[in-house]
Every structure is written in C-alpha cells, then in structure tokens.
C-alpha cells in the first residue's frame, strides 16, 4: 500500500495571518502581524505566527522582503515586484526595474541555472532619513 503524505492545511491561524496581510496597505513585520493577530483575538505565540508566515510564503501566498537590518517584512502580493528599502528606518517602496527578468534569466543561464524566481531589493537611505542626517550634521535637529 502506498502512503500519500498529507498536504499541509490552511489552519485558522494561517488564514488569520493571510487576512491581516491582505487587509494591510503596507508591508508588515512579523512583530506587527503578531500584535494585529492578538488584537483580532487570535491566540498564538510569536513562534506560531512566525511559522505560519513561513508556511504562507512557502505556499506562495505571501512574499517576504528581507531587510538590511535583519527584520523581514511581509505582504500578500506574490506578483513580481522590486523594492527599495531604507537601511535606516526600514520603509519599503515598490519600484519597477526595467528588464529585471531578462537580466535574471541571463545571469542564471550563464551559471547553468534555470531561473524559477528572482527578487530585486535595492537598499539605500530614503529622502526623509537623508534629510534627518543632513539636519543632524548641521546641528539643526
């Protein structure tokens, strides 16, 4: 008899996390999602939320955007998007980088890879943080 491995389920916690992300107009950190889930009456540990986010990302239902500071942000859209991320405050913006797909496939082909997905994240300092740095350098804070 051949056993078929059970498929992971979209549990109540995972569904709640997905609904939180779909209802958000911005990217959220795991800590923010945890707090929103608690406010919605979801009873889970932070580890449970983090594991649920990992499951949803692996299932292709959400995307994770790594931050230079080590704190990831999540959003419900899984379409190909490129991002600008501020290394100081963590603000994240969507941008469209022309020809990214061609470049990614070309790099993959040169290395003998068949590219399945790619992500472009450009890390820098946003205009607000640049202004704050300039004010601080001039002693104007």
C-alpha atoms as a PDB file:
ATOM      1  CA  UNK A   1       0.000   0.000   0.000  1.00  0.00           C
ATOM      2  CA  UNK A   2       1.396   3.396  -0.996  1.00  0.00           C
ATOM      3  CA  UNK A   3       1.002   6.143   1.544  1.00  0.00           C
ATOM      4  CA  UNK A   4       0.387   9.671   0.340  1.00  0.00           C
ATOM      5  CA  UNK A   5       1.814  12.374   2.535  1.00  0.00           C
ATOM      6  CA  UNK A   6      -0.903  14.669   3.886  1.00  0.00           C
ATOM      7  CA  UNK A   7      -0.955  18.181   2.448  1.00  0.00           C
ATOM      8  CA  UNK A   8      -0.333  20.981   4.928  1.00  0.00           C
ATOM      9  CA  UNK A   9      -3.569  22.688   5.880  1.00  0.00           C
ATOM     10  CA  UNK A  10      -4.546  26.330   5.817  1.00  0.00           C
ATOM     11  CA  UNK A  11      -5.272  26.421   9.566  1.00  0.00           C
ATOM     12  CA  UNK A  12      -7.300  29.108  11.343  1.00  0.00           C
ATOM     13  CA  UNK A  13      -4.054  30.845  12.373  1.00  0.00           C
ATOM     14  CA  UNK A  14      -2.635  30.798   8.843  1.00  0.00           C
ATOM     15  CA  UNK A  15      -5.906  32.089   7.427  1.00  0.00           C
ATOM     16  CA  UNK A  16      -5.983  34.897  10.017  1.00  0.00           C
ATOM     17  CA  UNK A  17      -2.404  35.891   9.104  1.00  0.00           C
ATOM     18  CA  UNK A  18      -3.275  35.892   5.415  1.00  0.00           C
ATOM     19  CA  UNK A  19      -6.334  38.079   6.058  1.00  0.00           C
ATOM     20  CA  UNK A  20      -4.233  40.537   8.081  1.00  0.00           C
ATOM     21  CA  UNK A  21      -1.745  40.855   5.238  1.00  0.00           C
ATOM     22  CA  UNK A  22      -4.440  41.163   2.581  1.00  0.00           C
ATOM     23  CA  UNK A  23      -6.083  43.917   4.616  1.00  0.00           C
ATOM     24  CA  UNK A  24      -2.901  45.924   5.038  1.00  0.00           C
ATOM     25  CA  UNK A  25      -1.906  48.743   2.716  1.00  0.00           C
ATOM     26  CA  UNK A  26       1.755  48.408   3.672  1.00  0.00           C
ATOM     27  CA  UNK A  27       4.381  45.785   4.376  1.00  0.00           C
ATOM     28  CA  UNK A  28       4.319  44.419   7.922  1.00  0.00           C
ATOM     29  CA  UNK A  29       6.944  42.850  10.153  1.00  0.00           C
ATOM     30  CA  UNK A  30       6.273  39.586  11.962  1.00  0.00           C
ATOM     31  CA  UNK A  31       6.014  41.534  15.243  1.00  0.00           C
ATOM     32  CA  UNK A  32       3.385  43.873  13.751  1.00  0.00           C
ATOM     33  CA  UNK A  33       1.435  40.914  12.374  1.00  0.00           C
ATOM     34  CA  UNK A  34       1.629  39.205  15.786  1.00  0.00           C
ATOM     35  CA  UNK A  35       0.210  42.305  17.515  1.00  0.00           C
ATOM     36  CA  UNK A  36      -2.570  42.687  14.925  1.00  0.00           C
ATOM     37  CA  UNK A  37      -3.441  38.996  15.277  1.00  0.00           C
ATOM     38  CA  UNK A  38      -3.635  39.319  19.071  1.00  0.00           C
ATOM     39  CA  UNK A  39      -5.840  42.411  18.689  1.00  0.00           C
ATOM     40  CA  UNK A  40      -8.126  40.321  16.445  1.00  0.00           C
ATOM     41  CA  UNK A  41      -8.410  37.679  19.175  1.00  0.00           C
ATOM     42  CA  UNK A  42      -6.024  35.149  17.635  1.00  0.00           C
ATOM     43  CA  UNK A  43      -4.440  33.063  20.371  1.00  0.00           C
ATOM     44  CA  UNK A  44      -0.918  32.172  19.243  1.00  0.00           C
ATOM     45  CA  UNK A  45       2.664  32.582  20.290  1.00  0.00           C
ATOM     46  CA  UNK A  46       5.092  34.711  18.310  1.00  0.00           C
ATOM     47  CA  UNK A  47       6.770  31.489  17.143  1.00  0.00           C
ATOM     48  CA  UNK A  48       3.421  30.229  15.867  1.00  0.00           C
ATOM     49  CA  UNK A  49       2.900  33.427  13.892  1.00  0.00           C
ATOM     50  CA  UNK A  50       6.422  33.271  12.503  1.00  0.00           C
ATOM     51  CA  UNK A  51       5.977  29.613  11.491  1.00  0.00           C
ATOM     52  CA  UNK A  52       2.608  30.458   9.931  1.00  0.00           C
ATOM     53  CA  UNK A  53       4.208  33.244   7.877  1.00  0.00           C
ATOM     54  CA  UNK A  54       6.924  30.840   6.752  1.00  0.00           C
ATOM     55  CA  UNK A  55       4.269  28.324   5.651  1.00  0.00           C
ATOM     56  CA  UNK A  56       2.322  31.000   3.728  1.00  0.00           C
ATOM     57  CA  UNK A  57       5.480  32.162   1.983  1.00  0.00           C
ATOM     58  CA  UNK A  58       6.478  28.599   1.057  1.00  0.00           C
ATOM     59  CA  UNK A  59       2.948  28.045  -0.269  1.00  0.00           C
ATOM     60  CA  UNK A  60       3.317  31.114  -2.493  1.00  0.00           C
ATOM     61  CA  UNK A  61       0.503  33.040  -0.781  1.00  0.00           C
ATOM     62  CA  UNK A  62       2.669  35.873   0.582  1.00  0.00           C
ATOM     63  CA  UNK A  63       6.086  37.359  -0.092  1.00  0.00           C
ATOM     64  CA  UNK A  64       8.859  38.072   2.366  1.00  0.00           C
ATOM     65  CA  UNK A  65      11.158  41.019   1.824  1.00  0.00           C
ATOM     66  CA  UNK A  66      14.465  40.782   3.660  1.00  0.00           C
ATOM     67  CA  UNK A  67      15.741  43.937   5.294  1.00  0.00           C
ATOM     68  CA  UNK A  68      19.317  45.043   5.684  1.00  0.00           C
ATOM     69  CA  UNK A  69      18.655  45.415   9.409  1.00  0.00           C
ATOM     70  CA  UNK A  70      17.716  41.737   9.629  1.00  0.00           C
ATOM     71  CA  UNK A  71      13.973  42.389  10.084  1.00  0.00           C
ATOM     72  CA  UNK A  72      11.850  40.957   7.287  1.00  0.00           C
ATOM     73  CA  UNK A  73       8.583  42.441   6.099  1.00  0.00           C
ATOM     74  CA  UNK A  74       5.678  40.552   4.564  1.00  0.00           C
ATOM     75  CA  UNK A  75       2.922  41.335   2.078  1.00  0.00           C
ATOM     76  CA  UNK A  76       0.138  39.348   0.460  1.00  0.00           C
ATOM     77  CA  UNK A  77       1.022  40.084  -3.144  1.00  0.00           C
ATOM     78  CA  UNK A  78       3.131  37.420  -4.821  1.00  0.00           C
ATOM     79  CA  UNK A  79       3.446  39.100  -8.208  1.00  0.00           C
ATOM     80  CA  UNK A  80       6.972  40.023  -9.193  1.00  0.00           C
ATOM     81  CA  UNK A  81       7.852  43.324  -7.561  1.00  0.00           C
ATOM     82  CA  UNK A  82      11.122  45.015  -6.969  1.00  0.00           C
ATOM     83  CA  UNK A  83      11.741  47.020  -3.803  1.00  0.00           C
ATOM     84  CA  UNK A  84      13.634  49.997  -2.440  1.00  0.00           C
ATOM     85  CA  UNK A  85      14.396  49.550   1.266  1.00  0.00           C
ATOM     86  CA  UNK A  86      15.721  52.241   3.586  1.00  0.00           C
ATOM     87  CA  UNK A  87      18.592  50.857   5.674  1.00  0.00           C
ATOM     88  CA  UNK A  88      17.910  53.441   8.398  1.00  0.00           C
ATOM     89  CA  UNK A  89      14.130  53.377   9.026  1.00  0.00           C
ATOM     90  CA  UNK A  90      13.109  50.256   7.068  1.00  0.00           C
ATOM     91  CA  UNK A  91      10.492  51.958   4.867  1.00  0.00           C
ATOM     92  CA  UNK A  92       9.857  49.820   1.780  1.00  0.00           C
ATOM     93  CA  UNK A  93       8.614  51.007  -1.614  1.00  0.00           C
ATOM     94  CA  UNK A  94       7.655  49.091  -4.729  1.00  0.00           C
ATOM     95  CA  UNK A  95       9.542  50.017  -7.876  1.00  0.00           C
ATOM     96  CA  UNK A  96       9.553  48.618 -11.368  1.00  0.00           C
ATOM     97  CA  UNK A  97      13.087  47.890 -12.524  1.00  0.00           C
ATOM     98  CA  UNK A  98      13.014  47.557 -16.323  1.00  0.00           C
ATOM     99  CA  UNK A  99      14.390  44.359 -17.812  1.00  0.00           C
ATOM    100  CA  UNK A 100      14.901  42.593 -14.460  1.00  0.00           C
ATOM    101  CA  UNK A 101      13.505  39.342 -15.805  1.00  0.00           C
ATOM    102  CA  UNK A 102      15.860  39.342 -18.776  1.00  0.00           C
ATOM    103  CA  UNK A 103      18.843  40.155 -16.593  1.00  0.00           C
ATOM    104  CA  UNK A 104      17.954  37.456 -14.036  1.00  0.00           C
ATOM    105  CA  UNK A 105      17.462  34.809 -16.721  1.00  0.00           C
ATOM    106  CA  UNK A 106      20.713  35.811 -18.457  1.00  0.00           C
ATOM    107  CA  UNK A 107      22.688  35.559 -15.205  1.00  0.00           C
ATOM    108  CA  UNK A 108      21.053  32.199 -14.483  1.00  0.00           C
ATOM    109  CA  UNK A 109      21.790  30.846 -17.943  1.00  0.00           C
ATOM    110  CA  UNK A 110      25.432  31.957 -17.706  1.00  0.00           C
ATOM    111  CA  UNK A 111      25.707  29.914 -14.492  1.00  0.00           C
ATOM    112  CA  UNK A 112      23.786  26.949 -15.903  1.00  0.00           C
ATOM    113  CA  UNK A 113      20.645  27.677 -13.851  1.00  0.00           C
ATOM    114  CA  UNK A 114      17.023  27.678 -14.917  1.00  0.00           C
ATOM    115  CA  UNK A 115      15.659  30.692 -13.056  1.00  0.00           C
ATOM    116  CA  UNK A 116      12.402  29.991 -11.208  1.00  0.00           C
ATOM    117  CA  UNK A 117      12.064  33.308  -9.440  1.00  0.00           C
ATOM    118  CA  UNK A 118      14.074  36.380  -8.646  1.00  0.00           C
ATOM    119  CA  UNK A 119      13.791  39.391  -6.395  1.00  0.00           C
ATOM    120  CA  UNK A 120      15.475  42.744  -6.627  1.00  0.00           C
ATOM    121  CA  UNK A 121      15.885  44.679  -3.405  1.00  0.00           C
ATOM    122  CA  UNK A 122      17.794  47.930  -3.558  1.00  0.00           C
ATOM    123  CA  UNK A 123      18.931  49.102  -0.134  1.00  0.00           C
ATOM    124  CA  UNK A 124      19.791  52.732   0.500  1.00  0.00           C
ATOM    125  CA  UNK A 125      18.727  55.762   2.533  1.00  0.00           C
ATOM    126  CA  UNK A 126      15.271  57.272   1.922  1.00  0.00           C
ATOM    127  CA  UNK A 127      14.762  61.037   1.414  1.00  0.00           C
ATOM    128  CA  UNK A 128      13.424  61.534   4.978  1.00  0.00           C
ATOM    129  CA  UNK A 129      16.435  59.842   6.558  1.00  0.00           C
ATOM    130  CA  UNK A 130      18.807  61.741   4.266  1.00  0.00           C
ATOM    131  CA  UNK A 131      17.206  64.987   5.407  1.00  0.00           C
ATOM    132  CA  UNK A 132      17.489  63.923   9.070  1.00  0.00           C
ATOM    133  CA  UNK A 133      21.167  63.043   8.516  1.00  0.00           C
ATOM    134  CA  UNK A 134      21.800  66.453   6.955  1.00  0.00           C
ATOM    135  CA  UNK A 135      19.997  68.238   9.781  1.00  0.00           C
ATOM    136  CA  UNK A 136      21.994  66.241  12.322  1.00  0.00           C
ATOM    137  CA  UNK A 137      25.270  67.089  10.563  1.00  0.00           C
ATOM    138  CA  UNK A 138      24.314  70.774  10.695  1.00  0.00           C
ATOM    139  CA  UNK A 139      23.188  70.540  14.327  1.00  0.00           C
ATOM    140  CA  UNK A 140      19.597  71.504  13.482  1.00  0.00           C
ATOM    141  CA  UNK A 141      17.682  68.570  14.906  1.00  0.00           C
END
